[in-house]
Amino acid sequence: MRERINLYSKYGLFITSILFITFGVLRQEHWVVLKKAINICFECIGLG
């Protein structure tokens, strides 16, 4: 019984993460993250 609950929770979290990733890609959030990463890198190097 405990193994079944553990299995359901694993697959439930996996499906939820796939849905959130898909939602983020559809909203083009990956470009926002990329811009922030570039800005942080430029600030650390001292180019910006």
PDB file of N, CA and C in Angstrom:
ATOM      1  N   MET A   1       0.821  -1.197   0.000  1.00  0.00           N
ATOM      2  CA  MET A   1       0.000   0.000   0.000  1.00  0.00           C
ATOM      3  C   MET A   1       0.866   1.263   0.000  1.00  0.00           C
ATOM      4  N   ARG A   2       1.901   1.253   0.843  1.00  0.00           N
ATOM      5  CA  ARG A   2       2.774   2.427   0.929  1.00  0.00           C
ATOM      6  C   ARG A   2       3.542   2.621  -0.380  1.00  0.00           C
ATOM      7  N   GLU A   3       3.913   1.526  -1.029  1.00  0.00           N
ATOM      8  CA  GLU A   3       4.627   1.623  -2.301  1.00  0.00           C
ATOM      9  C   GLU A   3       3.746   2.230  -3.379  1.00  0.00           C
ATOM     10  N   ARG A   4       2.467   1.918  -3.330  1.00  0.00           N
ATOM     11  CA  ARG A   4       1.538   2.454  -4.322  1.00  0.00           C
ATOM     12  C   ARG A   4       1.392   3.964  -4.148  1.00  0.00           C
ATOM     13  N   ILE A   5       1.294   4.424  -2.901  1.00  0.00           N
ATOM     14  CA  ILE A   5       1.188   5.856  -2.642  1.00  0.00           C
ATOM     15  C   ILE A   5       2.468   6.560  -3.089  1.00  0.00           C
ATOM     16  N   ASN A   6       3.613   5.944  -2.817  1.00  0.00           N
ATOM     17  CA  ASN A   6       4.892   6.514  -3.222  1.00  0.00           C
ATOM     18  C   ASN A   6       4.971   6.615  -4.744  1.00  0.00           C
ATOM     19  N   LEU A   7       4.503   5.587  -5.436  1.00  0.00           N
ATOM     20  CA  LEU A   7       4.517   5.585  -6.897  1.00  0.00           C
ATOM     21  C   LEU A   7       3.602   6.671  -7.452  1.00  0.00           C
ATOM     22  N   TYR A   8       2.396   6.803  -6.872  1.00  0.00           N
ATOM     23  CA  TYR A   8       1.459   7.835  -7.328  1.00  0.00           C
ATOM     24  C   TYR A   8       2.025   9.230  -7.091  1.00  0.00           C
ATOM     25  N   SER A   9       2.681   9.431  -5.964  1.00  0.00           N
ATOM     26  CA  SER A   9       3.228  10.757  -5.693  1.00  0.00           C
ATOM     27  C   SER A   9       4.374  11.075  -6.651  1.00  0.00           C
ATOM     28  N   LYS A  10       5.192  10.089  -6.995  1.00  0.00           N
ATOM     29  CA  LYS A  10       6.279  10.316  -7.957  1.00  0.00           C
ATOM     30  C   LYS A  10       5.730  10.738  -9.311  1.00  0.00           C
ATOM     31  N   TYR A  11       4.772   9.969  -9.808  1.00  0.00           N
ATOM     32  CA  TYR A  11       4.232  10.284 -11.128  1.00  0.00           C
ATOM     33  C   TYR A  11       3.388  11.558 -11.105  1.00  0.00           C
ATOM     34  N   GLY A  12       2.727  11.815  -9.994  1.00  0.00           N
ATOM     35  CA  GLY A  12       1.959  13.057  -9.872  1.00  0.00           C
ATOM     36  C   GLY A  12       2.853  14.274  -9.927  1.00  0.00           C
ATOM     37  N   LEU A  13       3.976  14.228  -9.205  1.00  0.00           N
ATOM     38  CA  LEU A  13       4.921  15.339  -9.250  1.00  0.00           C
ATOM     39  C   LEU A  13       5.561  15.473 -10.623  1.00  0.00           C
ATOM     40  N   PHE A  14       5.829  14.351 -11.267  1.00  0.00           N
ATOM     41  CA  PHE A  14       6.414  14.394 -12.610  1.00  0.00           C
ATOM     42  C   PHE A  14       5.460  15.050 -13.604  1.00  0.00           C
ATOM     43  N   ILE A  15       4.208  14.669 -13.579  1.00  0.00           N
ATOM     44  CA  ILE A  15       3.218  15.233 -14.505  1.00  0.00           C
ATOM     45  C   ILE A  15       2.999  16.712 -14.206  1.00  0.00           C
ATOM     46  N   THR A  16       2.966  17.067 -12.920  1.00  0.00           N
ATOM     47  CA  THR A  16       2.805  18.469 -12.542  1.00  0.00           C
ATOM     48  C   THR A  16       3.982  19.304 -13.034  1.00  0.00           C
ATOM     49  N   SER A  17       5.191  18.777 -12.900  1.00  0.00           N
ATOM     50  CA  SER A  17       6.359  19.535 -13.362  1.00  0.00           C
ATOM     51  C   SER A  17       6.342  19.704 -14.875  1.00  0.00           C
ATOM     52  N   ILE A  18       5.944  18.680 -15.601  1.00  0.00           N
ATOM     53  CA  ILE A  18       5.840  18.793 -17.065  1.00  0.00           C
ATOM     54  C   ILE A  18       4.803  19.850 -17.447  1.00  0.00           C
ATOM     55  N   LEU A  19       3.684  19.886 -16.728  1.00  0.00           N
ATOM     56  CA  LEU A  19       2.660  20.888 -17.023  1.00  0.00           C
ATOM     57  C   LEU A  19       3.173  22.301 -16.753  1.00  0.00           C
ATOM     58  N   PHE A  20       3.893  22.499 -15.648  1.00  0.00           N
ATOM     59  CA  PHE A  20       4.428  23.826 -15.343  1.00  0.00           C
ATOM     60  C   PHE A  20       5.494  24.240 -16.348  1.00  0.00           C
ATOM     61  N   ILE A  21       6.329  23.311 -16.779  1.00  0.00           N
ATOM     62  CA  ILE A  21       7.342  23.629 -17.789  1.00  0.00           C
ATOM     63  C   ILE A  21       6.671  24.023 -19.095  1.00  0.00           C
ATOM     64  N   THR A  22       5.657  23.284 -19.498  1.00  0.00           N
ATOM     65  CA  THR A  22       4.929  23.591 -20.726  1.00  0.00           C
ATOM     66  C   THR A  22       4.258  24.957 -20.633  1.00  0.00           C
ATOM     67  N   PHE A  23       3.652  25.235 -19.488  1.00  0.00           N
ATOM     68  CA  PHE A  23       3.003  26.535 -19.289  1.00  0.00           C
ATOM     69  C   PHE A  23       4.017  27.670 -19.373  1.00  0.00           C
ATOM     70  N   GLY A  24       5.183  27.477 -18.778  1.00  0.00           N
ATOM     71  CA  GLY A  24       6.231  28.495 -18.831  1.00  0.00           C
ATOM     72  C   GLY A  24       6.747  28.723 -20.239  1.00  0.00           C
ATOM     73  N   VAL A  25       6.900  27.655 -21.001  1.00  0.00           N
ATOM     74  CA  VAL A  25       7.369  27.798 -22.385  1.00  0.00           C
ATOM     75  C   VAL A  25       6.315  28.501 -23.232  1.00  0.00           C
ATOM     76  N   LEU A  26       5.052  28.179 -23.022  1.00  0.00           N
ATOM     77  CA  LEU A  26       3.995  28.842 -23.786  1.00  0.00           C
ATOM     78  C   LEU A  26       3.930  30.337 -23.482  1.00  0.00           C
ATOM     79  N   ARG A  27       4.253  30.724 -22.250  1.00  0.00           N
ATOM     80  CA  ARG A  27       4.265  32.139 -21.882  1.00  0.00           C
ATOM     81  C   ARG A  27       5.600  32.796 -22.199  1.00  0.00           C
ATOM     82  N   GLN A  28       6.529  32.045 -22.762  1.00  0.00           N
ATOM     83  CA  GLN A  28       7.866  32.504 -23.154  1.00  0.00           C
ATOM     84  C   GLN A  28       8.655  33.031 -21.961  1.00  0.00           C
ATOM     85  N   GLU A  29       8.527  32.352 -20.841  1.00  0.00           N
ATOM     86  CA  GLU A  29       9.264  32.737 -19.642  1.00  0.00           C
ATOM     87  C   GLU A  29      10.742  32.397 -19.749  1.00  0.00           C
ATOM     88  N   HIS A  30      11.093  31.470 -20.637  1.00  0.00           N
ATOM     89  CA  HIS A  30      12.496  31.100 -20.772  1.00  0.00           C
ATOM     90  C   HIS A  30      13.332  32.271 -21.283  1.00  0.00           C
ATOM     91  N   TRP A  31      12.728  33.168 -22.057  1.00  0.00           N
ATOM     92  CA  TRP A  31      13.468  34.335 -22.529  1.00  0.00           C
ATOM     93  C   TRP A  31      13.731  35.306 -21.387  1.00  0.00           C
ATOM     94  N   VAL A  32      12.794  35.419 -20.464  1.00  0.00           N
ATOM     95  CA  VAL A  32      12.979  36.289 -19.307  1.00  0.00           C
ATOM     96  C   VAL A  32      14.135  35.773 -18.453  1.00  0.00           C
ATOM     97  N   VAL A  33      14.163  34.458 -18.243  1.00  0.00           N
ATOM     98  CA  VAL A  33      15.230  33.860 -17.448  1.00  0.00           C
ATOM     99  C   VAL A  33      16.579  34.050 -18.143  1.00  0.00           C
ATOM    100  N   LEU A  34      16.612  33.901 -19.453  1.00  0.00           N
ATOM    101  CA  LEU A  34      17.856  34.079 -20.195  1.00  0.00           C
ATOM    102  C   LEU A  34      18.359  35.522 -20.093  1.00  0.00           C
ATOM    103  N   LYS A  35      17.458  36.489 -20.218  1.00  0.00           N
ATOM    104  CA  LYS A  35      17.850  37.900 -20.099  1.00  0.00           C
ATOM    105  C   LYS A  35      18.412  38.197 -18.714  1.00  0.00           C
ATOM    106  N   LYS A  36      17.769  37.663 -17.686  1.00  0.00           N
ATOM    107  CA  LYS A  36      18.266  37.889 -16.324  1.00  0.00           C
ATOM    108  C   LYS A  36      19.625  37.237 -16.123  1.00  0.00           C
ATOM    109  N   ALA A  37      19.820  36.061 -16.672  1.00  0.00           N
ATOM    110  CA  ALA A  37      21.108  35.380 -16.543  1.00  0.00           C
ATOM    111  C   ALA A  37      22.213  36.164 -17.249  1.00  0.00           C
ATOM    112  N   ILE A  38      21.915  36.705 -18.413  1.00  0.00           N
ATOM    113  CA  ILE A  38      22.905  37.509 -19.144  1.00  0.00           C
ATOM    114  C   ILE A  38      23.252  38.760 -18.357  1.00  0.00           C
ATOM    115  N   ASN A  39      22.243  39.419 -17.794  1.00  0.00           N
ATOM    116  CA  ASN A  39      22.506  40.626 -17.018  1.00  0.00           C
ATOM    117  C   ASN A  39      23.351  40.339 -15.783  1.00  0.00           C
ATOM    118  N   ILE A  40      23.061  39.243 -15.111  1.00  0.00           N
ATOM    119  CA  ILE A  40      23.840  38.880 -13.933  1.00  0.00           C
ATOM    120  C   ILE A  40      25.278  38.576 -14.328  1.00  0.00           C
ATOM    121  N   CYS A  41      25.478  37.865 -15.420  1.00  0.00           N
ATOM    122  CA  CYS A  41      26.841  37.547 -15.865  1.00  0.00           C
ATOM    123  C   CYS A  41      27.621  38.811 -16.226  1.00  0.00           C
ATOM    124  N   PHE A  42      26.971  39.746 -16.910  1.00  0.00           N
ATOM    125  CA  PHE A  42      27.652  40.991 -17.277  1.00  0.00           C
ATOM    126  C   PHE A  42      28.007  41.808 -16.038  1.00  0.00           C
ATOM    127  N   GLU A  43      27.138  41.790 -15.018  1.00  0.00           N
ATOM    128  CA  GLU A  43      27.445  42.527 -13.807  1.00  0.00           C
ATOM    129  C   GLU A  43      28.603  41.885 -13.052  1.00  0.00           C
ATOM    130  N   CYS A  44      28.659  40.562 -13.039  1.00  0.00           N
ATOM    131  CA  CYS A  44      29.735  39.881 -12.312  1.00  0.00           C
ATOM    132  C   CYS A  44      31.084  40.093 -13.008  1.00  0.00           C
ATOM    133  N   ILE A  45      31.080  40.061 -14.321  1.00  0.00           N
ATOM    134  CA  ILE A  45      32.322  40.240 -15.074  1.00  0.00           C
ATOM    135  C   ILE A  45      32.734  41.711 -15.051  1.00  0.00           C
ATOM    136  N   GLY A  46      31.754  42.585 -14.982  1.00  0.00           N
ATOM    137  CA  GLY A  46      32.053  44.011 -14.946  1.00  0.00           C
ATOM    138  C   GLY A  46      31.910  44.680 -16.293  1.00  0.00           C
ATOM    139  N   LEU A  47      31.229  44.049 -17.214  1.00  0.00           N
ATOM    140  CA  LEU A  47      31.054  44.642 -18.542  1.00  0.00           C
ATOM    141  C   LEU A  47      29.873  45.581 -18.605  1.00  0.00           C
ATOM    142  N   GLY A  48      28.933  45.443 -17.678  1.00  0.00           N
ATOM    143  CA  GLY A  48      27.699  46.221 -17.767  1.00  0.00           C
ATOM    144  C   GLY A  48      27.667  47.320 -16.883  1.00  0.00           C
TER     145      GLY A  48
END
